[in-house]
Amino acid sequence: MRLVSRVIKQFQLELPLQSLFQSPTVAEMATIIMENQAKLASDAELAHMLREVEAMTEEEVQRRLEGINSTIANK
Protein backbone atom coordinates (compact mmCIF):
# COMPACT_ATOMS: atom_id res chain seq x y z
CA MET A 1 0.00 0.00 0.00
CA ARG A 2 2.79 2.44 0.93
CA LEU A 3 4.73 1.62 -2.23
CA VAL A 4 1.71 2.27 -4.44
CA SER A 5 1.00 5.54 -2.60
CA ARG A 6 4.59 6.62 -3.15
CA VAL A 7 4.42 5.76 -6.85
CA ILE A 8 1.27 7.86 -7.22
CA LYS A 9 2.89 10.77 -5.39
CA GLN A 10 6.24 10.49 -7.24
CA PHE A 11 4.64 10.43 -10.68
CA GLN A 12 1.85 12.87 -9.74
CA LEU A 13 -0.79 10.44 -10.97
CA GLU A 14 -4.47 11.14 -11.02
CA LEU A 15 -5.91 7.66 -10.71
CA PRO A 16 -7.32 5.42 -8.00
CA LEU A 17 -5.02 3.18 -5.95
CA GLN A 18 -6.98 0.17 -7.16
CA SER A 19 -5.76 0.62 -10.74
CA LEU A 20 -2.13 0.09 -9.68
CA PHE A 21 -3.01 -2.83 -7.43
CA GLN A 22 -4.59 -4.52 -10.42
CA SER A 23 -1.18 -4.46 -12.14
CA PRO A 24 0.69 -7.50 -10.84
CA THR A 25 3.97 -6.71 -12.61
CA VAL A 26 6.21 -3.66 -12.75
CA ALA A 27 5.80 -3.58 -16.52
CA GLU A 28 2.00 -3.41 -16.25
CA MET A 29 2.27 -0.73 -13.55
CA ALA A 30 4.62 1.26 -15.82
CA THR A 31 2.09 1.03 -18.64
CA ILE A 32 -0.65 2.46 -16.42
CA ILE A 33 1.66 5.27 -15.28
CA MET A 34 2.61 6.15 -18.86
CA GLU A 35 -1.02 6.09 -19.98
CA ASN A 36 -1.99 8.39 -17.12
CA GLN A 37 0.82 10.83 -17.87
CA ALA A 38 -0.02 10.82 -21.57
CA LYS A 39 -3.62 11.80 -20.82
CA LEU A 40 -2.40 14.80 -18.83
CA ALA A 41 0.21 15.99 -21.33
CA SER A 42 -0.54 18.31 -24.21
CA ASP A 43 0.19 17.35 -27.80
CA ALA A 44 3.18 19.72 -27.88
CA GLU A 45 4.61 18.22 -24.70
CA LEU A 46 4.17 14.71 -26.08
CA ALA A 47 5.90 15.62 -29.34
CA HIS A 48 8.80 17.15 -27.40
CA MET A 49 9.15 14.10 -25.13
CA LEU A 50 9.03 11.76 -28.13
CA ARG A 51 11.80 13.68 -29.88
CA GLU A 52 13.93 13.51 -26.73
CA VAL A 53 13.43 9.77 -26.33
CA GLU A 54 14.11 9.05 -29.99
CA ALA A 55 17.39 11.01 -29.78
CA MET A 56 18.67 9.01 -26.79
CA THR A 57 21.33 6.35 -27.15
CA GLU A 58 20.95 2.96 -25.51
CA GLU A 59 23.56 4.01 -22.95
CA GLU A 60 21.60 7.15 -22.05
CA VAL A 61 18.43 5.14 -21.62
CA GLN A 62 20.21 2.65 -19.37
CA ARG A 63 21.73 5.46 -17.24
CA ARG A 64 18.37 7.15 -16.81
CA LEU A 65 16.65 3.92 -15.88
CA GLU A 66 19.37 3.19 -13.33
CA GLY A 67 18.93 6.69 -11.90
CA ILE A 68 15.18 6.25 -11.62
CA ASN A 69 15.59 2.85 -9.99
CA SER A 70 18.12 4.29 -7.54
CA THR A 71 15.80 7.18 -6.65
CA ILE A 72 12.87 4.85 -6.04
CA ALA A 73 15.00 2.47 -3.97
CA ASN A 74 16.26 5.30 -1.75
CA LYS A 75 12.80 6.64 -0.86
PDB file of N, CA and C in Angstrom:
ATOM      1  N   MET A   1       0.835  -1.197   0.000  1.00  0.00           N
ATOM      2  CA  MET A   1       0.000   0.000   0.000  1.00  0.00           C
ATOM      3  C   MET A   1       0.873   1.252   0.000  1.00  0.00           C
ATOM      4  N   ARG A   2       1.916   1.259   0.866  1.00  0.00           N
ATOM      5  CA  ARG A   2       2.787   2.436   0.925  1.00  0.00           C
ATOM      6  C   ARG A   2       3.544   2.629  -0.380  1.00  0.00           C
ATOM      7  N   LEU A   3       3.997   1.520  -0.967  1.00  0.00           N
ATOM      8  CA  LEU A   3       4.727   1.620  -2.225  1.00  0.00           C
ATOM      9  C   LEU A   3       3.848   2.227  -3.311  1.00  0.00           C
ATOM     10  N   VAL A   4       2.633   1.754  -3.420  1.00  0.00           N
ATOM     11  CA  VAL A   4       1.714   2.267  -4.440  1.00  0.00           C
ATOM     12  C   VAL A   4       1.417   3.742  -4.186  1.00  0.00           C
ATOM     13  N   SER A   5       1.235   4.128  -2.936  1.00  0.00           N
ATOM     14  CA  SER A   5       0.999   5.536  -2.603  1.00  0.00           C
ATOM     15  C   SER A   5       2.194   6.395  -3.002  1.00  0.00           C
ATOM     16  N   ARG A   6       3.392   5.876  -2.780  1.00  0.00           N
ATOM     17  CA  ARG A   6       4.593   6.620  -3.148  1.00  0.00           C
ATOM     18  C   ARG A   6       4.733   6.749  -4.657  1.00  0.00           C
ATOM     19  N   VAL A   7       4.379   5.707  -5.384  1.00  0.00           N
ATOM     20  CA  VAL A   7       4.421   5.761  -6.846  1.00  0.00           C
ATOM     21  C   VAL A   7       3.464   6.832  -7.347  1.00  0.00           C
ATOM     22  N   ILE A   8       2.262   6.850  -6.809  1.00  0.00           N
ATOM     23  CA  ILE A   8       1.270   7.855  -7.216  1.00  0.00           C
ATOM     24  C   ILE A   8       1.778   9.263  -6.922  1.00  0.00           C
ATOM     25  N   LYS A   9       2.364   9.453  -5.755  1.00  0.00           N
ATOM     26  CA  LYS A   9       2.893  10.770  -5.391  1.00  0.00           C
ATOM     27  C   LYS A   9       4.085  11.146  -6.267  1.00  0.00           C
ATOM     28  N   GLN A  10       5.024  10.216  -6.458  1.00  0.00           N
ATOM     29  CA  GLN A  10       6.235  10.488  -7.238  1.00  0.00           C
ATOM     30  C   GLN A  10       5.914  10.882  -8.679  1.00  0.00           C
ATOM     31  N   PHE A  11       4.976  10.174  -9.291  1.00  0.00           N
ATOM     32  CA  PHE A  11       4.637  10.430 -10.682  1.00  0.00           C
ATOM     33  C   PHE A  11       3.456  11.381 -10.847  1.00  0.00           C
ATOM     34  N   GLN A  12       2.966  11.918  -9.731  1.00  0.00           N
ATOM     35  CA  GLN A  12       1.851  12.867  -9.741  1.00  0.00           C
ATOM     36  C   GLN A  12       0.681  12.318 -10.568  1.00  0.00           C
ATOM     37  N   LEU A  13       0.270  11.114 -10.231  1.00  0.00           N
ATOM     38  CA  LEU A  13      -0.789  10.444 -10.972  1.00  0.00           C
ATOM     39  C   LEU A  13      -2.156  10.854 -10.467  1.00  0.00           C
ATOM     40  N   GLU A  14      -3.090  10.862 -11.369  1.00  0.00           N
ATOM     41  CA  GLU A  14      -4.475  11.139 -11.024  1.00  0.00           C
ATOM     42  C   GLU A  14      -5.294   9.895 -11.356  1.00  0.00           C
ATOM     43  N   LEU A  15      -5.162   8.892 -10.506  1.00  0.00           N
ATOM     44  CA  LEU A  15      -5.905   7.657 -10.708  1.00  0.00           C
ATOM     45  C   LEU A  15      -6.080   6.967  -9.364  1.00  0.00           C
ATOM     46  N   PRO A  16      -7.066   6.098  -9.267  1.00  0.00           N
ATOM     47  CA  PRO A  16      -7.321   5.419  -7.997  1.00  0.00           C
ATOM     48  C   PRO A  16      -6.241   4.386  -7.678  1.00  0.00           C
ATOM     49  N   LEU A  17      -5.996   4.180  -6.384  1.00  0.00           N
ATOM     50  CA  LEU A  17      -5.020   3.185  -5.947  1.00  0.00           C
ATOM     51  C   LEU A  17      -5.304   1.820  -6.560  1.00  0.00           C
ATOM     52  N   GLN A  18      -6.567   1.483  -6.665  1.00  0.00           N
ATOM     53  CA  GLN A  18      -6.977   0.172  -7.161  1.00  0.00           C
ATOM     54  C   GLN A  18      -6.380  -0.129  -8.538  1.00  0.00           C
ATOM     55  N   SER A  19      -6.253   0.876  -9.388  1.00  0.00           N
ATOM     56  CA  SER A  19      -5.757   0.616 -10.735  1.00  0.00           C
ATOM     57  C   SER A  19      -4.316   0.118 -10.717  1.00  0.00           C
ATOM     58  N   LEU A  20      -3.497   0.583  -9.774  1.00  0.00           N
ATOM     59  CA  LEU A  20      -2.128   0.088  -9.682  1.00  0.00           C
ATOM     60  C   LEU A  20      -2.074  -1.278  -9.008  1.00  0.00           C
ATOM     61  N   PHE A  21      -2.966  -1.515  -8.068  1.00  0.00           N
ATOM     62  CA  PHE A  21      -3.008  -2.827  -7.427  1.00  0.00           C
ATOM     63  C   PHE A  21      -3.417  -3.916  -8.416  1.00  0.00           C
ATOM     64  N   GLN A  22      -4.153  -3.552  -9.425  1.00  0.00           N
ATOM     65  CA  GLN A  22      -4.588  -4.524 -10.420  1.00  0.00           C
ATOM     66  C   GLN A  22      -3.490  -4.839 -11.428  1.00  0.00           C
ATOM     67  N   SER A  23      -2.328  -4.224 -11.260  1.00  0.00           N
ATOM     68  CA  SER A  23      -1.182  -4.456 -12.143  1.00  0.00           C
ATOM     69  C   SER A  23      -0.166  -5.302 -11.400  1.00  0.00           C
ATOM     70  N   PRO A  24      -0.165  -6.605 -11.625  1.00  0.00           N
ATOM     71  CA  PRO A  24       0.689  -7.497 -10.838  1.00  0.00           C
ATOM     72  C   PRO A  24       2.175  -7.400 -11.144  1.00  0.00           C
ATOM     73  N   THR A  25       2.549  -6.812 -12.285  1.00  0.00           N
ATOM     74  CA  THR A  25       3.969  -6.710 -12.608  1.00  0.00           C
ATOM     75  C   THR A  25       4.379  -5.247 -12.717  1.00  0.00           C
ATOM     76  N   VAL A  26       5.670  -5.018 -12.611  1.00  0.00           N
ATOM     77  CA  VAL A  26       6.210  -3.663 -12.747  1.00  0.00           C
ATOM     78  C   VAL A  26       5.930  -3.134 -14.152  1.00  0.00           C
ATOM     79  N   ALA A  27       6.048  -3.992 -15.143  1.00  0.00           N
ATOM     80  CA  ALA A  27       5.796  -3.576 -16.524  1.00  0.00           C
ATOM     81  C   ALA A  27       4.353  -3.102 -16.714  1.00  0.00           C
ATOM     82  N   GLU A  28       3.408  -3.816 -16.133  1.00  0.00           N
ATOM     83  CA  GLU A  28       2.002  -3.410 -16.245  1.00  0.00           C
ATOM     84  C   GLU A  28       1.754  -2.111 -15.483  1.00  0.00           C
ATOM     85  N   MET A  29       2.409  -1.962 -14.319  1.00  0.00           N
ATOM     86  CA  MET A  29       2.270  -0.732 -13.553  1.00  0.00           C
ATOM     87  C   MET A  29       2.864   0.440 -14.347  1.00  0.00           C
ATOM     88  N   ALA A  30       4.001   0.218 -15.005  1.00  0.00           N
ATOM     89  CA  ALA A  30       4.620   1.262 -15.818  1.00  0.00           C
ATOM     90  C   ALA A  30       3.705   1.680 -16.960  1.00  0.00           C
ATOM     91  N   THR A  31       3.019   0.726 -17.551  1.00  0.00           N
ATOM     92  CA  THR A  31       2.089   1.034 -18.635  1.00  0.00           C
ATOM     93  C   THR A  31       0.965   1.937 -18.142  1.00  0.00           C
ATOM     94  N   ILE A  32       0.419   1.635 -16.987  1.00  0.00           N
ATOM     95  CA  ILE A  32      -0.652   2.462 -16.420  1.00  0.00           C
ATOM     96  C   ILE A  32      -0.139   3.869 -16.123  1.00  0.00           C
ATOM     97  N   ILE A  33       1.070   3.960 -15.579  1.00  0.00           N
ATOM     98  CA  ILE A  33       1.661   5.272 -15.277  1.00  0.00           C
ATOM     99  C   ILE A  33       1.834   6.077 -16.560  1.00  0.00           C
ATOM    100  N   MET A  34       2.389   5.445 -17.587  1.00  0.00           N
ATOM    101  CA  MET A  34       2.609   6.145 -18.857  1.00  0.00           C
ATOM    102  C   MET A  34       1.282   6.585 -19.488  1.00  0.00           C
ATOM    103  N   GLU A  35       0.287   5.733 -19.430  1.00  0.00           N
ATOM    104  CA  GLU A  35      -1.022   6.091 -19.982  1.00  0.00           C
ATOM    105  C   GLU A  35      -1.603   7.287 -19.237  1.00  0.00           C
ATOM    106  N   ASN A  36      -1.471   7.292 -17.913  1.00  0.00           N
ATOM    107  CA  ASN A  36      -1.990   8.392 -17.122  1.00  0.00           C
ATOM    108  C   ASN A  36      -1.264   9.691 -17.448  1.00  0.00           C
ATOM    109  N   GLN A  37       0.048   9.629 -17.555  1.00  0.00           N
ATOM    110  CA  GLN A  37       0.815  10.828 -17.870  1.00  0.00           C
ATOM    111  C   GLN A  37       0.510  11.329 -19.273  1.00  0.00           C
ATOM    112  N   ALA A  38       0.288  10.420 -20.203  1.00  0.00           N
ATOM    113  CA  ALA A  38      -0.024  10.817 -21.573  1.00  0.00           C
ATOM    114  C   ALA A  38      -1.361  11.549 -21.638  1.00  0.00           C
ATOM    115  N   LYS A  39      -2.323  11.133 -20.842  1.00  0.00           N
ATOM    116  CA  LYS A  39      -3.624  11.801 -20.819  1.00  0.00           C
ATOM    117  C   LYS A  39      -3.503  13.236 -20.318  1.00  0.00           C
ATOM    118  N   LEU A  40      -2.556  13.478 -19.426  1.00  0.00           N
ATOM    119  CA  LEU A  40      -2.397  14.797 -18.827  1.00  0.00           C
ATOM    120  C   LEU A  40      -1.520  15.730 -19.651  1.00  0.00           C
ATOM    121  N   ALA A  41      -0.726  15.182 -20.549  1.00  0.00           N
ATOM    122  CA  ALA A  41       0.209  15.990 -21.333  1.00  0.00           C
ATOM    123  C   ALA A  41      -0.468  16.544 -22.586  1.00  0.00           C
ATOM    124  N   SER A  42      -0.017  17.708 -22.985  1.00  0.00           N
ATOM    125  CA  SER A  42      -0.541  18.305 -24.214  1.00  0.00           C
ATOM    126  C   SER A  42       0.151  17.668 -25.420  1.00  0.00           C
ATOM    127  N   ASP A  43      -0.394  17.891 -26.583  1.00  0.00           N
ATOM    128  CA  ASP A  43       0.194  17.345 -27.801  1.00  0.00           C
ATOM    129  C   ASP A  43       1.616  17.860 -28.001  1.00  0.00           C
ATOM    130  N   ALA A  44       1.847  19.136 -27.715  1.00  0.00           N
ATOM    131  CA  ALA A  44       3.180  19.720 -27.876  1.00  0.00           C
ATOM    132  C   ALA A  44       4.170  19.072 -26.915  1.00  0.00           C
ATOM    133  N   GLU A  45       3.738  18.854 -25.677  1.00  0.00           N
ATOM    134  CA  GLU A  45       4.611  18.216 -24.700  1.00  0.00           C
ATOM    135  C   GLU A  45       4.944  16.791 -25.129  1.00  0.00           C
ATOM    136  N   LEU A  46       3.947  16.083 -25.627  1.00  0.00           N
ATOM    137  CA  LEU A  46       4.171  14.714 -26.078  1.00  0.00           C
ATOM    138  C   LEU A  46       5.144  14.669 -27.254  1.00  0.00           C
ATOM    139  N   ALA A  47       4.998  15.577 -28.190  1.00  0.00           N
ATOM    140  CA  ALA A  47       5.900  15.622 -29.337  1.00  0.00           C
ATOM    141  C   ALA A  47       7.330  15.904 -28.883  1.00  0.00           C
ATOM    142  N   HIS A  48       7.478  16.816 -27.937  1.00  0.00           N
ATOM    143  CA  HIS A  48       8.803  17.147 -27.400  1.00  0.00           C
ATOM    144  C   HIS A  48       9.418  15.943 -26.695  1.00  0.00           C
ATOM    145  N   MET A  49       8.642  15.264 -25.849  1.00  0.00           N
ATOM    146  CA  MET A  49       9.146  14.098 -25.134  1.00  0.00           C
ATOM    147  C   MET A  49       9.536  12.991 -26.114  1.00  0.00           C
ATOM    148  N   LEU A  50       8.739  12.785 -27.139  1.00  0.00           N
ATOM    149  CA  LEU A  50       9.027  11.758 -28.126  1.00  0.00           C
ATOM    150  C   LEU A  50      10.333  12.061 -28.850  1.00  0.00           C
ATOM    151  N   ARG A  51      10.547  13.311 -29.225  1.00  0.00           N
ATOM    152  CA  ARG A  51      11.804  13.684 -29.883  1.00  0.00           C
ATOM    153  C   ARG A  51      12.992  13.424 -28.969  1.00  0.00           C
ATOM    154  N   GLU A  52      12.845  13.745 -27.681  1.00  0.00           N
ATOM    155  CA  GLU A  52      13.932  13.509 -26.729  1.00  0.00           C
ATOM    156  C   GLU A  52      14.247  12.022 -26.600  1.00  0.00           C
ATOM    157  N   VAL A  53      13.226  11.207 -26.485  1.00  0.00           N
ATOM    158  CA  VAL A  53      13.428   9.768 -26.331  1.00  0.00           C
ATOM    159  C   VAL A  53      14.057   9.176 -27.589  1.00  0.00           C
ATOM    160  N   GLU A  54      13.571   9.585 -28.735  1.00  0.00           N
ATOM    161  CA  GLU A  54      14.111   9.054 -29.986  1.00  0.00           C
ATOM    162  C   GLU A  54      15.577   9.429 -30.184  1.00  0.00           C
ATOM    163  N   ALA A  55      16.006  10.553 -29.629  1.00  0.00           N
ATOM    164  CA  ALA A  55      17.388  11.007 -29.779  1.00  0.00           C
ATOM    165  C   ALA A  55      18.347  10.343 -28.793  1.00  0.00           C
ATOM    166  N   MET A  56      17.826   9.629 -27.815  1.00  0.00           N
ATOM    167  CA  MET A  56      18.667   9.011 -26.791  1.00  0.00           C
ATOM    168  C   MET A  56      19.380   7.775 -27.328  1.00  0.00           C
ATOM    169  N   THR A  57      20.614   7.583 -26.839  1.00  0.00           N
ATOM    170  CA  THR A  57      21.335   6.352 -27.151  1.00  0.00           C
ATOM    171  C   THR A  57      20.918   5.291 -26.143  1.00  0.00           C
ATOM    172  N   GLU A  58      21.249   4.052 -26.442  1.00  0.00           N
ATOM    173  CA  GLU A  58      20.946   2.955 -25.510  1.00  0.00           C
ATOM    174  C   GLU A  58      21.608   3.204 -24.158  1.00  0.00           C
ATOM    175  N   GLU A  59      22.825   3.740 -24.190  1.00  0.00           N
ATOM    176  CA  GLU A  59      23.556   4.009 -22.947  1.00  0.00           C
ATOM    177  C   GLU A  59      22.843   5.068 -22.108  1.00  0.00           C
ATOM    178  N   GLU A  60      22.338   6.111 -22.772  1.00  0.00           N
ATOM    179  CA  GLU A  60      21.602   7.154 -22.050  1.00  0.00           C
ATOM    180  C   GLU A  60      20.338   6.585 -21.411  1.00  0.00           C
ATOM    181  N   VAL A  61      19.641   5.755 -22.149  1.00  0.00           N
ATOM    182  CA  VAL A  61      18.425   5.135 -21.622  1.00  0.00           C
ATOM    183  C   VAL A  61      18.760   4.306 -20.392  1.00  0.00           C
ATOM    184  N   GLN A  62      19.808   3.506 -20.492  1.00  0.00           N
ATOM    185  CA  GLN A  62      20.206   2.653 -19.374  1.00  0.00           C
ATOM    186  C   GLN A  62      20.587   3.490 -18.156  1.00  0.00           C
ATOM    187  N   ARG A  63      21.346   4.576 -18.362  1.00  0.00           N
ATOM    188  CA  ARG A  63      21.734   5.455 -17.242  1.00  0.00           C
ATOM    189  C   ARG A  63      20.514   6.082 -16.581  1.00  0.00           C
ATOM    190  N   ARG A  64      19.579   6.531 -17.383  1.00  0.00           N
ATOM    191  CA  ARG A  64      18.374   7.154 -16.813  1.00  0.00           C
ATOM    192  C   ARG A  64      17.536   6.149 -16.043  1.00  0.00           C
ATOM    193  N   LEU A  65      17.405   4.956 -16.585  1.00  0.00           N
ATOM    194  CA  LEU A  65      16.653   3.922 -15.881  1.00  0.00           C
ATOM    195  C   LEU A  65      17.328   3.569 -14.554  1.00  0.00           C
ATOM    196  N   GLU A  66      18.640   3.475 -14.567  1.00  0.00           N
ATOM    197  CA  GLU A  66      19.373   3.191 -13.329  1.00  0.00           C
ATOM    198  C   GLU A  66      19.167   4.313 -12.317  1.00  0.00           C
ATOM    199  N   GLY A  67      19.164   5.557 -12.793  1.00  0.00           N
ATOM    200  CA  GLY A  67      18.934   6.692 -11.903  1.00  0.00           C
ATOM    201  C   GLY A  67      17.541   6.666 -11.299  1.00  0.00           C
ATOM    202  N   ILE A  68      16.555   6.340 -12.109  1.00  0.00           N
ATOM    203  CA  ILE A  68      15.178   6.249 -11.619  1.00  0.00           C
ATOM    204  C   ILE A  68      15.059   5.130 -10.602  1.00  0.00           C
ATOM    205  N   ASN A  69      15.643   3.981 -10.917  1.00  0.00           N
ATOM    206  CA  ASN A  69      15.592   2.847  -9.991  1.00  0.00           C
ATOM    207  C   ASN A  69      16.277   3.188  -8.677  1.00  0.00           C
ATOM    208  N   SER A  70      17.392   3.892  -8.751  1.00  0.00           N
ATOM    209  CA  SER A  70      18.116   4.293  -7.537  1.00  0.00           C
ATOM    210  C   SER A  70      17.287   5.258  -6.701  1.00  0.00           C
ATOM    211  N   THR A  71      16.639   6.210  -7.352  1.00  0.00           N
ATOM    212  CA  THR A  71      15.802   7.185  -6.653  1.00  0.00           C
ATOM    213  C   THR A  71      14.640   6.493  -5.942  1.00  0.00           C
ATOM    214  N   ILE A  72      14.002   5.573  -6.638  1.00  0.00           N
ATOM    215  CA  ILE A  72      12.871   4.851  -6.038  1.00  0.00           C
ATOM    216  C   ILE A  72      13.338   3.990  -4.875  1.00  0.00           C
ATOM    217  N   ALA A  73      14.478   3.340  -5.019  1.00  0.00           N
ATOM    218  CA  ALA A  73      15.000   2.471  -3.968  1.00  0.00           C
ATOM    219  C   ALA A  73      15.380   3.239  -2.708  1.00  0.00           C
ATOM    220  N   ASN A  74      15.802   4.491  -2.883  1.00  0.00           N
ATOM    221  CA  ASN A  74      16.255   5.296  -1.746  1.00  0.00           C
ATOM    222  C   ASN A  74      15.118   6.002  -1.013  1.00  0.00           C
ATOM    223  N   LYS A  75      13.923   5.940  -1.529  1.00  0.00           N
ATOM    224  CA  LYS A  75      12.802   6.638  -0.858  1.00  0.00           C
ATOM    225  C   LYS A  75      12.062   5.732   0.047  1.00  0.00           C
TER     226      LYS A  75
END
